[in-house]
PDB file of N, CA and C in Angstrom:
ATOM      1  N   MET A   1     -56.098  -7.146  95.254  1.00  0.00           N
ATOM      2  CA  MET A   1     -56.263  -6.780  94.082  1.00  0.00           C
ATOM      3  C   MET A   1     -54.692  -7.125  92.942  1.00  0.00           C
ATOM      4  N   THR A   2     -54.186  -7.790  93.993  1.00  0.00           N
ATOM      5  CA  THR A   2     -52.753  -8.440  92.993  1.00  0.00           C
ATOM      6  C   THR A   2     -53.050  -9.825  92.007  1.00  0.00           C
ATOM      7  N   PRO A   3     -53.658 -10.563  92.547  1.00  0.00           N
ATOM      8  CA  PRO A   3     -54.416 -12.052  91.648  1.00  0.00           C
ATOM      9  C   PRO A   3     -55.057 -11.259  90.489  1.00  0.00           C
ATOM     10  N   ALA A   4     -55.680 -10.018  90.450  1.00  0.00           N
ATOM     11  CA  ALA A   4     -56.298 -10.181  89.534  1.00  0.00           C
ATOM     12  C   ALA A   4     -55.380  -9.893  88.096  1.00  0.00           C
ATOM     13  N   PRO A   5     -54.192  -8.979  88.345  1.00  0.00           N
ATOM     14  CA  PRO A   5     -52.985  -8.768  87.140  1.00  0.00           C
ATOM     15  C   PRO A   5     -52.869 -10.059  86.338  1.00  0.00           C
ATOM     16  N   ASN A   6     -52.587 -11.146  88.126  1.00  0.00           N
ATOM     17  CA  ASN A   6     -51.725 -12.414  87.159  1.00  0.00           C
ATOM     18  C   ASN A   6     -53.346 -13.212  86.320  1.00  0.00           C
ATOM     19  N   VAL A   7     -54.102 -13.787  86.801  1.00  0.00           N
ATOM     20  CA  VAL A   7     -55.181 -14.671  86.091  1.00  0.00           C
ATOM     21  C   VAL A   7     -55.385 -13.341  84.561  1.00  0.00           C
ATOM     22  N   LEU A   8     -55.422 -12.221  84.688  1.00  0.00           N
ATOM     23  CA  LEU A   8     -55.579 -11.804  83.513  1.00  0.00           C
ATOM     24  C   LEU A   8     -54.705 -12.040  82.336  1.00  0.00           C
ATOM     25  N   SER A   9     -52.881 -11.785  83.053  1.00  0.00           N
ATOM     26  CA  SER A   9     -52.372 -12.322  81.877  1.00  0.00           C
ATOM     27  C   SER A   9     -52.145 -13.610  82.049  1.00  0.00           C
ATOM     28  N   GLY A  10     -52.343 -14.396  82.771  1.00  0.00           N
ATOM     29  CA  GLY A  10     -52.291 -16.159  82.356  1.00  0.00           C
ATOM     30  C   GLY A  10     -53.430 -16.005  81.405  1.00  0.00           C
ATOM     31  N   GLY A  11     -54.344 -15.725  81.088  1.00  0.00           N
ATOM     32  CA  GLY A  11     -55.388 -15.477  79.676  1.00  0.00           C
ATOM     33  C   GLY A  11     -54.891 -15.589  78.985  1.00  0.00           C
ATOM     34  N   MET A  12     -54.614 -14.169  78.650  1.00  0.00           N
ATOM     35  CA  MET A  12     -53.930 -13.623  77.795  1.00  0.00           C
ATOM     36  C   MET A  12     -52.592 -15.019  77.238  1.00  0.00           C
ATOM     37  N   VAL A  13     -52.011 -15.405  77.805  1.00  0.00           N
ATOM     38  CA  VAL A  13     -50.899 -16.112  77.502  1.00  0.00           C
ATOM     39  C   VAL A  13     -51.451 -17.702  76.945  1.00  0.00           C
ATOM     40  N   LYS A  14     -52.412 -18.081  77.807  1.00  0.00           N
ATOM     41  CA  LYS A  14     -53.286 -19.070  77.236  1.00  0.00           C
ATOM     42  C   LYS A  14     -53.810 -18.471  76.010  1.00  0.00           C
ATOM     43  N   ILE A  15     -54.535 -17.557  75.337  1.00  0.00           N
ATOM     44  CA  ILE A  15     -55.029 -17.284  74.268  1.00  0.00           C
ATOM     45  C   ILE A  15     -53.864 -17.347  73.524  1.00  0.00           C
ATOM     46  N   ALA A  16     -52.602 -17.012  74.063  1.00  0.00           N
ATOM     47  CA  ALA A  16     -51.229 -16.570  72.442  1.00  0.00           C
ATOM     48  C   ALA A  16     -51.135 -17.868  72.198  1.00  0.00           C
ATOM     49  N   ASP A  17     -51.174 -18.758  73.431  1.00  0.00           N
ATOM     50  CA  ASP A  17     -50.486 -20.338  73.387  1.00  0.00           C
ATOM     51  C   ASP A  17     -51.615 -20.830  72.185  1.00  0.00           C
ATOM     52  N   THR A  18     -52.922 -20.828  72.081  1.00  0.00           N
ATOM     53  CA  THR A  18     -53.955 -21.524  71.600  1.00  0.00           C
ATOM     54  C   THR A  18     -53.605 -20.601  70.129  1.00  0.00           C
ATOM     55  N   ASP A  19     -52.985 -19.604  69.814  1.00  0.00           N
ATOM     56  CA  ASP A  19     -53.137 -18.990  68.753  1.00  0.00           C
ATOM     57  C   ASP A  19     -51.486 -19.724  67.916  1.00  0.00           C
ATOM     58  N   SER A  20     -50.599 -19.654  69.088  1.00  0.00           N
ATOM     59  CA  SER A  20     -49.518 -19.844  68.237  1.00  0.00           C
ATOM     60  C   SER A  20     -49.661 -21.147  67.606  1.00  0.00           C
ATOM     61  N   SER A  21     -50.379 -22.108  68.745  1.00  0.00           N
ATOM     62  CA  SER A  21     -50.660 -24.183  68.317  1.00  0.00           C
ATOM     63  C   SER A  21     -51.197 -24.341  67.131  1.00  0.00           C
ATOM     64  N   LEU A  22     -52.102 -22.903  66.209  1.00  0.00           N
ATOM     65  CA  LEU A  22     -52.677 -22.822  65.201  1.00  0.00           C
ATOM     66  C   LEU A  22     -51.926 -22.622  64.211  1.00  0.00           C
ATOM     67  N   VAL A  23     -51.621 -21.422  64.793  1.00  0.00           N
ATOM     68  CA  VAL A  23     -50.249 -21.182  63.157  1.00  0.00           C
ATOM     69  C   VAL A  23     -49.512 -22.109  62.796  1.00  0.00           C
ATOM     70  N   THR A  24     -48.869 -22.886  63.664  1.00  0.00           N
ATOM     71  CA  THR A  24     -48.199 -24.113  63.662  1.00  0.00           C
ATOM     72  C   THR A  24     -48.464 -24.892  62.547  1.00  0.00           C
ATOM     73  N   ALA A  25     -50.085 -25.302  63.452  1.00  0.00           N
ATOM     74  CA  ALA A  25     -50.735 -25.892  62.490  1.00  0.00           C
ATOM     75  C   ALA A  25     -51.021 -26.019  61.345  1.00  0.00           C
ATOM     76  N   MET A  26     -51.300 -24.683  61.022  1.00  0.00           N
ATOM     77  CA  MET A  26     -51.749 -24.144  59.472  1.00  0.00           C
ATOM     78  C   MET A  26     -50.509 -23.702  58.587  1.00  0.00           C
ATOM     79  N   VAL A  27     -48.925 -23.439  59.794  1.00  0.00           N
ATOM     80  CA  VAL A  27     -47.681 -23.854  58.556  1.00  0.00           C
ATOM     81  C   VAL A  27     -47.620 -24.872  58.379  1.00  0.00           C
ATOM     82  N   ASN A  28     -47.223 -26.252  59.603  1.00  0.00           N
ATOM     83  CA  ASN A  28     -47.122 -27.995  59.056  1.00  0.00           C
ATOM     84  C   ASN A  28     -48.175 -27.912  57.665  1.00  0.00           C
ATOM     85  N   LEU A  29     -49.363 -27.262  57.927  1.00  0.00           N
ATOM     86  CA  LEU A  29     -50.345 -27.920  56.901  1.00  0.00           C
ATOM     87  C   LEU A  29     -50.011 -27.615  55.439  1.00  0.00           C
ATOM     88  N   LEU A  30     -49.679 -26.057  55.635  1.00  0.00           N
ATOM     89  CA  LEU A  30     -48.581 -25.970  54.268  1.00  0.00           C
ATOM     90  C   LEU A  30     -47.697 -26.283  53.515  1.00  0.00           C
ATOM     91  N   LEU A  31     -47.009 -26.297  54.365  1.00  0.00           N
ATOM     92  CA  LEU A  31     -45.649 -27.437  54.513  1.00  0.00           C
ATOM     93  C   LEU A  31     -46.049 -28.766  53.739  1.00  0.00           C
ATOM     94  N   SER A  32     -46.405 -29.697  54.575  1.00  0.00           N
ATOM     95  CA  SER A  32     -46.854 -30.607  54.041  1.00  0.00           C
ATOM     96  C   SER A  32     -47.445 -30.616  52.393  1.00  0.00           C
ATOM     97  N   MET A  33     -48.238 -29.603  52.065  1.00  0.00           N
ATOM     98  CA  MET A  33     -49.326 -29.143  51.559  1.00  0.00           C
ATOM     99  C   MET A  33     -48.215 -28.861  49.976  1.00  0.00           C
ATOM    100  N   GLU A  34     -47.107 -27.932  49.982  1.00  0.00           N
ATOM    101  CA  GLU A  34     -45.935 -28.104  49.522  1.00  0.00           C
ATOM    102  C   GLU A  34     -45.146 -28.990  49.006  1.00  0.00           C
ATOM    103  N   ASN A  35     -44.750 -30.116  50.408  1.00  0.00           N
ATOM    104  CA  ASN A  35     -43.835 -31.051  49.585  1.00  0.00           C
ATOM    105  C   ASN A  35     -45.015 -31.787  48.698  1.00  0.00           C
ATOM    106  N   LEU A  36     -46.077 -31.933  48.966  1.00  0.00           N
ATOM    107  CA  LEU A  36     -46.868 -33.289  47.960  1.00  0.00           C
ATOM    108  C   LEU A  36     -46.835 -32.500  46.697  1.00  0.00           C
ATOM    109  N   LEU A  37     -47.215 -31.232  46.868  1.00  0.00           N
ATOM    110  CA  LEU A  37     -47.148 -29.746  45.185  1.00  0.00           C
ATOM    111  C   LEU A  37     -45.742 -30.268  44.808  1.00  0.00           C
ATOM    112  N   VAL A  38     -44.392 -30.422  45.668  1.00  0.00           N
ATOM    113  CA  VAL A  38     -43.571 -30.908  44.981  1.00  0.00           C
ATOM    114  C   VAL A  38     -42.996 -32.384  44.344  1.00  0.00           C
ATOM    115  N   TYR A  39     -43.580 -33.098  45.636  1.00  0.00           N
ATOM    116  CA  TYR A  39     -43.693 -34.505  44.932  1.00  0.00           C
ATOM    117  C   TYR A  39     -44.006 -34.866  43.889  1.00  0.00           C
ATOM    118  N   TYR A  40     -45.325 -34.242  43.261  1.00  0.00           N
ATOM    119  CA  TYR A  40     -46.060 -34.033  42.288  1.00  0.00           C
ATOM    120  C   TYR A  40     -45.747 -33.895  41.216  1.00  0.00           C
ATOM    121  N   LEU A  41     -45.003 -32.765  41.308  1.00  0.00           N
ATOM    122  CA  LEU A  41     -44.845 -31.719  40.030  1.00  0.00           C
ATOM    123  C   LEU A  41     -43.300 -32.718  39.595  1.00  0.00           C
ATOM    124  N   THR A  42     -42.340 -33.206  40.745  1.00  0.00           N
ATOM    125  CA  THR A  42     -41.512 -34.392  40.172  1.00  0.00           C
ATOM    126  C   THR A  42     -41.323 -34.805  39.188  1.00  0.00           C
ATOM    127  N   LEU A  43     -42.534 -35.999  39.405  1.00  0.00           N
ATOM    128  CA  LEU A  43     -43.254 -37.280  39.795  1.00  0.00           C
ATOM    129  C   LEU A  43     -43.781 -36.867  37.738  1.00  0.00           C
ATOM    130  N   PHE A  44     -44.932 -36.020  37.792  1.00  0.00           N
ATOM    131  CA  PHE A  44     -44.946 -35.349  36.678  1.00  0.00           C
ATOM    132  C   PHE A  44     -43.900 -35.067  35.746  1.00  0.00           C
ATOM    133  N   LEU A  45     -42.456 -34.611  35.825  1.00  0.00           N
ATOM    134  CA  LEU A  45     -42.204 -34.185  35.055  1.00  0.00           C
ATOM    135  C   LEU A  45     -41.164 -35.479  34.619  1.00  0.00           C
ATOM    136  N   ARG A  46     -41.174 -36.492  35.947  1.00  0.00           N
ATOM    137  CA  ARG A  46     -40.095 -37.603  35.228  1.00  0.00           C
ATOM    138  C   ARG A  46     -40.917 -38.314  34.120  1.00  0.00           C
ATOM    139  N   MET A  47     -42.122 -38.351  34.417  1.00  0.00           N
ATOM    140  CA  MET A  47     -42.964 -39.342  33.522  1.00  0.00           C
ATOM    141  C   MET A  47     -43.083 -38.635  32.180  1.00  0.00           C
ATOM    142  N   PHE A  48     -43.357 -37.172  32.394  1.00  0.00           N
ATOM    143  CA  PHE A  48     -42.545 -36.318  30.471  1.00  0.00           C
ATOM    144  C   PHE A  48     -41.663 -36.655  30.445  1.00  0.00           C
ATOM    145  N   LEU A  49     -40.276 -36.382  30.957  1.00  0.00           N
ATOM    146  CA  LEU A  49     -39.280 -37.098  30.254  1.00  0.00           C
ATOM    147  C   LEU A  49     -39.007 -38.040  29.831  1.00  0.00           C
ATOM    148  N   LEU A  50     -39.877 -39.304  30.449  1.00  0.00           N
ATOM    149  CA  LEU A  50     -39.551 -40.810  30.211  1.00  0.00           C
ATOM    150  C   LEU A  50     -40.316 -40.472  28.740  1.00  0.00           C
ATOM    151  N   ILE A  51     -41.149 -40.424  28.649  1.00  0.00           N
ATOM    152  CA  ILE A  51     -41.854 -40.096  27.328  1.00  0.00           C
ATOM    153  C   ILE A  51     -41.278 -39.487  26.142  1.00  0.00           C
ATOM    154  N   ILE A  52     -40.476 -38.222  26.664  1.00  0.00           N
ATOM    155  CA  ILE A  52     -39.796 -38.144  25.133  1.00  0.00           C
ATOM    156  C   ILE A  52     -38.577 -39.020  25.191  1.00  0.00           C
ATOM    157  N   GLY A  53     -38.136 -39.142  26.219  1.00  0.00           N
ATOM    158  CA  GLY A  53     -37.230 -40.232  25.930  1.00  0.00           C
ATOM    159  C   GLY A  53     -37.634 -41.593  25.247  1.00  0.00           C
ATOM    160  N   CYS A  54     -38.572 -41.760  25.393  1.00  0.00           N
ATOM    161  CA  CYS A  54     -38.732 -42.917  24.591  1.00  0.00           C
ATOM    162  C   CYS A  54     -39.508 -42.832  23.042  1.00  0.00           C
ATOM    163  N   ASN A  55     -39.856 -41.954  22.956  1.00  0.00           N
ATOM    164  CA  ASN A  55     -40.412 -41.018  21.622  1.00  0.00           C
ATOM    165  C   ASN A  55     -39.133 -40.887  20.805  1.00  0.00           C
ATOM    166  N   LEU A  56     -37.924 -40.209  22.057  1.00  0.00           N
ATOM    167  CA  LEU A  56     -36.604 -39.943  20.672  1.00  0.00           C
ATOM    168  C   LEU A  56     -36.312 -41.110  20.091  1.00  0.00           C
ATOM    169  N   THR A  57     -36.547 -42.394  21.112  1.00  0.00           N
ATOM    170  CA  THR A  57     -35.290 -43.280  20.876  1.00  0.00           C
ATOM    171  C   THR A  57     -35.384 -44.197  20.283  1.00  0.00           C
TER     172      THR A  57
END
């Protein structure tokens, strides 16, 4: 009877492990997307400011 709970807990740990890795993958994806968004926003802002600067002078 002793090995049964160990197997169960092992299965639970495996499930939790895959879940956590999935979550980390999702978080990494979100972070990379956020970084891209920020990069493009700053790029757009720079171009916008450059155009305004060129028009003012």
